[in-house]
Every structure is written in structure tokens, then in C-alpha cells.
C-alpha atoms as a PDB file:
ATOM      1  CA  MET A   1      32.205  -3.798  -1.795  1.00  0.00           C
ATOM      2  CA  ASP A   2      31.613  -3.666  -5.549  1.00  0.00           C
ATOM      3  CA  PHE A   3      27.933  -2.810  -5.916  1.00  0.00           C
ATOM      4  CA  ASN A   4      27.584  -4.858  -9.106  1.00  0.00           C
ATOM      5  CA  LYS A   5      28.641  -7.996  -7.205  1.00  0.00           C
ATOM      6  CA  SER A   6      26.570  -7.260  -4.108  1.00  0.00           C
ATOM      7  CA  THR A   7      23.479  -8.910  -2.732  1.00  0.00           C
ATOM      8  CA  THR A   8      22.134  -5.390  -2.241  1.00  0.00           C
ATOM      9  CA  LYS A   9      21.928  -4.927  -6.016  1.00  0.00           C
ATOM     10  CA  THR A  10      19.757  -8.043  -6.318  1.00  0.00           C
ATOM     11  CA  ASN A  11      17.675  -7.006  -3.312  1.00  0.00           C
ATOM     12  CA  LEU A  12      17.006  -3.608  -4.881  1.00  0.00           C
ATOM     13  CA  ALA A  13      15.843  -5.306  -8.077  1.00  0.00           C
ATOM     14  CA  ARG A  14      13.608  -7.642  -6.051  1.00  0.00           C
ATOM     15  CA  ALA A  15      12.204  -4.691  -4.075  1.00  0.00           C
ATOM     16  CA  PHE A  16      11.594  -2.672  -7.244  1.00  0.00           C
ATOM     17  CA  THR A  17       9.733  -5.589  -8.818  1.00  0.00           C
ATOM     18  CA  GLY A  18       7.673  -6.213  -5.678  1.00  0.00           C
ATOM     19  CA  GLU A  19       6.659  -2.581  -5.364  1.00  0.00           C
ATOM     20  CA  CYS A  20       5.625  -2.453  -9.038  1.00  0.00           C
ATOM     21  CA  LEU A  21       3.505  -5.569  -8.549  1.00  0.00           C
ATOM     22  CA  ASP A  22       1.920  -4.082  -5.420  1.00  0.00           C
ATOM     23  CA  GLY A  23       1.154  -0.860  -7.304  1.00  0.00           C
ATOM     24  CA  ALA A  24      -0.500  -2.758 -10.142  1.00  0.00           C
ATOM     25  CA  ARG A  25      -2.445  -5.046  -7.800  1.00  0.00           C
ATOM     26  CA  TYR A  26      -3.746  -2.052  -5.836  1.00  0.00           C
ATOM     27  CA  GLN A  27      -4.966  -0.484  -9.082  1.00  0.00           C
ATOM     28  CA  PHE A  28      -6.863  -3.711  -9.838  1.00  0.00           C
ATOM     29  CA  ILE A  29      -8.380  -3.714  -6.338  1.00  0.00           C
ATOM     30  CA  ALA A  30      -9.325  -0.036  -6.746  1.00  0.00           C
ATOM     31  CA  LYS A  31     -11.201  -0.888  -9.941  1.00  0.00           C
ATOM     32  CA  GLN A  32     -13.035  -3.679  -8.145  1.00  0.00           C
ATOM     33  CA  ALA A  33     -13.900  -1.373  -5.237  1.00  0.00           C
ATOM     34  CA  THR A  34     -15.311   1.173  -7.695  1.00  0.00           C
ATOM     35  CA  LYS A  35     -17.313  -1.559  -9.420  1.00  0.00           C
ATOM     36  CA  ASP A  36     -18.643  -2.686  -6.015  1.00  0.00           C
ATOM     37  CA  GLY A  37     -19.717   0.883  -5.154  1.00  0.00           C
ATOM     38  CA  PHE A  38     -16.945   1.696  -2.662  1.00  0.00           C
ATOM     39  CA  SER A  39     -15.509   4.834  -4.239  1.00  0.00           C
ATOM     40  CA  TYR A  40     -13.668   6.021  -1.133  1.00  0.00           C
ATOM     41  CA  VAL A  41     -12.061   2.586  -0.638  1.00  0.00           C
ATOM     42  CA  ALA A  42     -11.038   2.739  -4.308  1.00  0.00           C
ATOM     43  CA  ASP A  43      -9.422   6.132  -3.685  1.00  0.00           C
ATOM     44  CA  LEU A  44      -7.508   4.710  -0.723  1.00  0.00           C
ATOM     45  CA  PHE A  45      -6.180   1.873  -2.881  1.00  0.00           C
ATOM     46  CA  LYS A  46      -5.200   4.345  -5.606  1.00  0.00           C
ATOM     47  CA  THR A  47      -3.213   6.258  -2.989  1.00  0.00           C
ATOM     48  CA  LEU A  48      -1.537   3.040  -1.838  1.00  0.00           C
ATOM     49  CA  ALA A  49      -0.707   2.236  -5.475  1.00  0.00           C
ATOM     50  CA  LYS A  50       0.868   5.671  -5.835  1.00  0.00           C
ATOM     51  CA  ASN A  51       2.901   5.091  -2.657  1.00  0.00           C
ATOM     52  CA  GLU A  52       4.135   1.718  -3.931  1.00  0.00           C
ATOM     53  CA  MET A  53       5.225   3.224  -7.237  1.00  0.00           C
ATOM     54  CA  ALA A  54       7.100   5.958  -5.352  1.00  0.00           C
ATOM     55  CA  HIS A  55       8.923   3.224  -3.404  1.00  0.00           C
ATOM     56  CA  ALA A  56       9.703   1.460  -6.684  1.00  0.00           C
ATOM     57  CA  ARG A  57      11.221   4.701  -7.972  1.00  0.00           C
ATOM     58  CA  VAL A  58      13.445   5.012  -4.892  1.00  0.00           C
ATOM     59  CA  PHE A  59      14.764   1.489  -5.418  1.00  0.00           C
ATOM     60  CA  TYR A  60      15.192   2.001  -9.166  1.00  0.00           C
ATOM     61  CA  ASP A  61      17.083   5.255  -8.606  1.00  0.00           C
ATOM     62  CA  HIS A  62      19.460   3.488  -6.203  1.00  0.00           C
ATOM     63  CA  LEU A  63      20.118   0.865  -8.890  1.00  0.00           C
ATOM     64  CA  ILE A  64      20.814   3.487 -11.565  1.00  0.00           C
ATOM     65  CA  LYS A  65      23.015   5.590  -9.287  1.00  0.00           C
ATOM     66  CA  ASN A  66      25.110   2.725  -7.943  1.00  0.00           C
ATOM     67  CA  CYS A  67      25.534   0.686 -11.143  1.00  0.00           C
ATOM     68  CA  LYS A  68      27.252   3.654 -12.790  1.00  0.00           C
ATOM     69  CA  GLY A  69      26.160   2.852 -16.307  1.00  0.00           C
ATOM     70  CA  GLU A  70      26.804  -0.877 -15.994  1.00  0.00           C
ATOM     71  CA  LEU A  71      23.170  -1.824 -15.536  1.00  0.00           C
ATOM     72  CA  SER A  72      21.680  -4.503 -17.740  1.00  0.00           C
ATOM     73  CA  ASN A  73      19.368  -7.395 -16.986  1.00  0.00           C
ATOM     74  CA  ILE A  74      19.353  -8.490 -13.374  1.00  0.00           C
ATOM     75  CA  ASP A  75      18.339 -12.082 -12.788  1.00  0.00           C
ATOM     76  CA  ILE A  76      16.185 -12.320  -9.703  1.00  0.00           C
ATOM     77  CA  CYS A  77      14.508 -15.252  -8.099  1.00  0.00           C
ATOM     78  CA  ALA A  78      11.827 -14.401  -5.571  1.00  0.00           C
ATOM     79  CA  GLY A  79       8.275 -15.216  -4.642  1.00  0.00           C
ATOM     80  CA  TYR A  80       5.670 -12.531  -5.156  1.00  0.00           C
ATOM     81  CA  PRO A  81       2.057 -12.637  -3.965  1.00  0.00           C
ATOM     82  CA  PHE A  82      -0.628 -13.034  -6.580  1.00  0.00           C
ATOM     83  CA  HIS A  83      -4.139 -12.695  -5.157  1.00  0.00           C
ATOM     84  CA  ASP A  84      -7.520 -12.116  -6.643  1.00  0.00           C
ATOM     85  CA  TYR A  85      -8.885  -8.608  -6.337  1.00  0.00           C
ATOM     86  CA  GLU A  86     -12.291  -9.374  -4.846  1.00  0.00           C
ATOM     87  CA  LEU A  87     -12.632  -7.163  -1.777  1.00  0.00           C
ATOM     88  CA  GLU A  88     -13.725 -10.037   0.434  1.00  0.00           C
ATOM     89  CA  THR A  89     -10.225 -11.545   0.278  1.00  0.00           C
ATOM     90  CA  SER A  90      -7.890  -9.004  -1.326  1.00  0.00           C
ATOM     91  CA  ILE A  91      -7.831  -6.442   1.486  1.00  0.00           C
ATOM     92  CA  LYS A  92      -6.690  -9.021   4.067  1.00  0.00           C
ATOM     93  CA  GLU A  93      -4.172 -10.598   1.661  1.00  0.00           C
ATOM     94  CA  SER A  94      -2.765  -7.159   0.863  1.00  0.00           C
ATOM     95  CA  ALA A  95      -2.427  -6.389   4.571  1.00  0.00           C
ATOM     96  CA  GLY A  96      -0.471  -9.622   5.021  1.00  0.00           C
ATOM     97  CA  ALA A  97       1.889  -8.744   2.181  1.00  0.00           C
ATOM     98  CA  GLU A  98       2.484  -5.290   3.692  1.00  0.00           C
ATOM     99  CA  LEU A  99       3.212  -6.861   7.086  1.00  0.00           C
ATOM    100  CA  SER A 100       5.746  -9.241   5.547  1.00  0.00           C
ATOM    101  CA  GLU A 101       7.505  -6.377   3.769  1.00  0.00           C
ATOM    102  CA  SER A 102       7.573  -4.209   6.887  1.00  0.00           C
ATOM    103  CA  LYS A 103       8.647  -6.802   9.436  1.00  0.00           C
ATOM    104  CA  ASN A 104      10.683  -9.327   7.428  1.00  0.00           C
ATOM    105  CA  ILE A 105      11.729  -8.440   3.895  1.00  0.00           C
ATOM    106  CA  TYR A 106      12.852  -4.819   4.101  1.00  0.00           C
ATOM    107  CA  PRO A 107      14.536  -5.084   7.512  1.00  0.00           C
ATOM    108  CA  ALA A 108      16.529  -8.061   6.163  1.00  0.00           C
ATOM    109  CA  PHE A 109      17.418  -6.125   2.994  1.00  0.00           C
ATOM    110  CA  ALA A 110      18.468  -3.135   5.141  1.00  0.00           C
ATOM    111  CA  LYS A 111      20.774  -5.314   7.245  1.00  0.00           C
ATOM    112  CA  VAL A 112      22.448  -6.773   4.148  1.00  0.00           C
ATOM    113  CA  ALA A 113      22.878  -3.307   2.632  1.00  0.00           C
ATOM    114  CA  ARG A 114      24.367  -1.940   5.853  1.00  0.00           C
ATOM    115  CA  ASP A 115      26.691  -4.955   6.189  1.00  0.00           C
ATOM    116  CA  GLU A 116      27.828  -4.478   2.583  1.00  0.00           C
ATOM    117  CA  GLY A 117      28.554  -0.773   3.191  1.00  0.00           C
ATOM    118  CA  PHE A 118      25.530   0.802   1.522  1.00  0.00           C
ATOM    119  CA  ALA A 119      24.126   2.885   4.405  1.00  0.00           C
ATOM    120  CA  GLU A 120      21.994   5.171   2.221  1.00  0.00           C
ATOM    121  CA  ILE A 121      20.276   2.180   0.634  1.00  0.00           C
ATOM    122  CA  ALA A 122      19.798   0.573   4.053  1.00  0.00           C
ATOM    123  CA  ASP A 123      18.131   3.781   5.244  1.00  0.00           C
ATOM    124  CA  SER A 124      15.745   3.677   2.275  1.00  0.00           C
ATOM    125  CA  PHE A 125      14.777   0.080   3.006  1.00  0.00           C
ATOM    126  CA  GLU A 126      14.088   1.013   6.642  1.00  0.00           C
ATOM    127  CA  LEU A 127      12.026   4.077   5.713  1.00  0.00           C
ATOM    128  CA  VAL A 128       9.951   2.111   3.203  1.00  0.00           C
ATOM    129  CA  ALA A 129       9.410  -0.595   5.852  1.00  0.00           C
ATOM    130  CA  MET A 130       7.901   2.067   8.137  1.00  0.00           C
ATOM    131  CA  VAL A 131       5.458   3.143   5.415  1.00  0.00           C
ATOM    132  CA  GLU A 132       4.532  -0.477   4.699  1.00  0.00           C
ATOM    133  CA  GLU A 133       3.730  -0.943   8.385  1.00  0.00           C
ATOM    134  CA  CYS A 134       1.303   1.996   8.149  1.00  0.00           C
ATOM    135  CA  HIS A 135      -0.224   0.379   5.058  1.00  0.00           C
ATOM    136  CA  PHE A 136      -0.614  -2.876   7.001  1.00  0.00           C
ATOM    137  CA  LYS A 137      -2.449  -1.120   9.834  1.00  0.00           C
ATOM    138  CA  GLN A 138      -4.713   0.797   7.465  1.00  0.00           C
ATOM    139  CA  LEU A 139      -5.563  -2.263   5.383  1.00  0.00           C
ATOM    140  CA  SER A 140      -6.173  -4.378   8.496  1.00  0.00           C
ATOM    141  CA  GLU A 141      -8.592  -1.784   9.800  1.00  0.00           C
ATOM    142  CA  ILE A 142     -10.430  -1.545   6.471  1.00  0.00           C
ATOM    143  CA  ASP A 143     -10.622  -5.336   6.249  1.00  0.00           C
ATOM    144  CA  GLU A 144     -12.070  -5.638   9.750  1.00  0.00           C
ATOM    145  CA  MET A 145     -14.659  -2.967   8.986  1.00  0.00           C
ATOM    146  CA  TYR A 146     -15.502  -4.581   5.644  1.00  0.00           C
ATOM    147  CA  GLN A 147     -15.783  -8.113   7.034  1.00  0.00           C
ATOM    148  CA  ASN A 148     -18.038  -6.927   9.886  1.00  0.00           C
ATOM    149  CA  ASP A 149     -20.190  -4.737   7.626  1.00  0.00           C
ATOM    150  CA  MET A 150     -19.083  -1.673   9.607  1.00  0.00           C
ATOM    151  CA  LEU A 151     -17.658   0.531   6.858  1.00  0.00           C
ATOM    152  CA  TYR A 152     -20.562   2.958   7.261  1.00  0.00           C
ATOM    153  CA  GLN A 153     -21.633   2.212  10.822  1.00  0.00           C
ATOM    154  CA  SER A 154     -20.190   2.979  14.226  1.00  0.00           C
ATOM    155  CA  LYS A 155     -21.027   1.939  17.770  1.00  0.00           C
ATOM    156  CA  GLU A 156     -20.965   5.583  18.808  1.00  0.00           C
ATOM    157  CA  GLU A 157     -21.810   8.796  17.030  1.00  0.00           C
ATOM    158  CA  ILE A 158     -19.017  10.009  14.762  1.00  0.00           C
ATOM    159  CA  LYS A 159     -18.630  12.617  12.053  1.00  0.00           C
ATOM    160  CA  TRP A 160     -19.225  11.322   8.513  1.00  0.00           C
ATOM    161  CA  LYS A 161     -17.980  13.340   5.556  1.00  0.00           C
ATOM    162  CA  CYS A 162     -18.710  13.108   1.833  1.00  0.00           C
ATOM    163  CA  SER A 163     -15.485  12.843  -0.152  1.00  0.00           C
ATOM    164  CA  ASN A 164     -17.189  14.535  -3.118  1.00  0.00           C
ATOM    165  CA  CYS A 165     -18.800  17.695  -1.717  1.00  0.00           C
ATOM    166  CA  GLY A 166     -17.552  17.846   1.877  1.00  0.00           C
ATOM    167  CA  HIS A 167     -20.989  17.568   3.516  1.00  0.00           C
ATOM    168  CA  GLU A 168     -20.676  16.381   7.132  1.00  0.00           C
ATOM    169  CA  HIS A 169     -23.016  15.046   9.769  1.00  0.00           C
ATOM    170  CA  THR A 170     -22.659  13.259  13.085  1.00  0.00           C
ATOM    171  CA  SER A 171     -24.463   9.972  13.572  1.00  0.00           C
ATOM    172  CA  LYS A 172     -23.909   6.251  14.190  1.00  0.00           C
ATOM    173  CA  ASN A 173     -24.567   5.580  10.492  1.00  0.00           C
ATOM    174  CA  ALA A 174     -23.516   7.234   7.277  1.00  0.00           C
ATOM    175  CA  TRP A 175     -26.220   8.306   4.850  1.00  0.00           C
ATOM    176  CA  LYS A 176     -27.188   6.064   1.906  1.00  0.00           C
ATOM    177  CA  THR A 177     -27.164   9.069  -0.438  1.00  0.00           C
ATOM    178  CA  CYS A 178     -25.473  12.363   0.373  1.00  0.00           C
ATOM    179  CA  PRO A 179     -28.179  14.920   1.146  1.00  0.00           C
ATOM    180  CA  LEU A 180     -26.150  17.681  -0.507  1.00  0.00           C
ATOM    181  CA  CYS A 181     -24.719  16.225  -3.732  1.00  0.00           C
ATOM    182  CA  SER A 182     -26.720  12.979  -4.008  1.00  0.00           C
ATOM    183  CA  TYR A 183     -23.561  10.859  -4.355  1.00  0.00           C
ATOM    184  CA  PRO A 184     -23.950   7.282  -3.081  1.00  0.00           C
ATOM    185  CA  GLN A 185     -22.736   6.013   0.279  1.00  0.00           C
ATOM    186  CA  GLY A 186     -19.505   4.687  -1.246  1.00  0.00           C
ATOM    187  CA  TYR A 187     -18.195   8.277  -1.312  1.00  0.00           C
ATOM    188  CA  VAL A 188     -18.390   8.614   2.468  1.00  0.00           C
ATOM    189  CA  MET A 189     -14.926   8.935   3.980  1.00  0.00           C
ATOM    190  CA  LEU A 190     -14.048   6.084   6.310  1.00  0.00           C
ATOM    191  CA  ASN A 191     -13.127   6.839   9.887  1.00  0.00           C
ATOM    192  CA  LEU A 192      -9.740   5.124  10.113  1.00  0.00           C
ATOM    193  CA  GLN A 193      -7.310   5.347  13.017  1.00  0.00           C
ATOM    194  CA  ASP A 194      -4.277   5.583  10.708  1.00  0.00           C
ATOM    195  CA  ASN A 195      -5.753   7.991   8.197  1.00  0.00           C
END
């Protein structure tokens, strides 16, 4: 199939755009988390933003490689999530967007690419879908902890670690201020299953 007439070309442009939007939105959420005193959560969102931009690059590179110099404007029509970046709602909304990408959007794009004869692109969609599923799980866990005021508490004793200086201690609760470097509680690393 001629790539320039394929649905895969449009899907790559849609995926590129979506990943760029996710990367920007995660930067906004990271800023809000920092403002709210959750430095480690901000760092996690910055990492997610970096991941999303790496995915965008993969999709962009496929476009450049397969268009063979015939790339110009690509008209796309798609819905993209626009949420606020307040932590109370944005973590859960972001998890939902990641779930949709991992279970619906990218598997469908992979099938189209494979059916149109673009196996390498299909593989990329499938690999990105796997990463987005990990993002969904991580964000769901953070949201549950945040909503239940359990970011810095645990039902059993666990090891807490300062993301600034590396100080560790085992307890049911993280410290309010690190006893070693005096950084606030927001620098405590979260104990996530998918970390």
C-alpha cells in the first residue's frame, strides 16, 4: 500500500499529536504538584512527560521515514482530552487517558498498520500501548493514594526514602521534614507497585 494514501499515516499523525499533548499536560500537572508541595509526584509526572515525548518522536520518525520527502500538512480529525491540572482530578483523568490509549487506540492503530502492510509501525504502536498500560497502573495507584490521603502513610511498616539526600527509615508514616537534609515531606519517594 502507498503510505501517503494509508490510514496508518493519519494514525501516526494523530498519535504524534496525542503524545505531544500528553507530554505538555504532564508538565502542567508537574508544576501544580510542585506548587502543592508534592515534589516527588512532580518528578514522576516529569518522567511521564519525557516518556510521552519519546513516543511522539517514534511516531514522528515513522512519518518522516515512510513519507520519503513527501510530507506536508496532514489533516487530522480526532478528539483529545483536555483536563485541568489540579491534582484532585488530573491524576485520575490522566490514568483514564492512558488506559484508553493502551487498550483501545493503539491496539486499533496497530491492527490497521499490520493490515496495510506496515509491520514495523504496528510493532511500535503495540510497544507504546504496553508502556501506556504501565502509566495507567502507576497513575491509578498514585490517584488512590492521593484520594485516600495515603501518599505518606502505610498500613504496615515500610521503608521511606528521601529523593533528595537518600535518607531512609522504616515506619508506617513518612517524616514531615527529612531529619538529614531538612527537605519537606513532598520529597519522600512513594512506595508504588509499578515503580
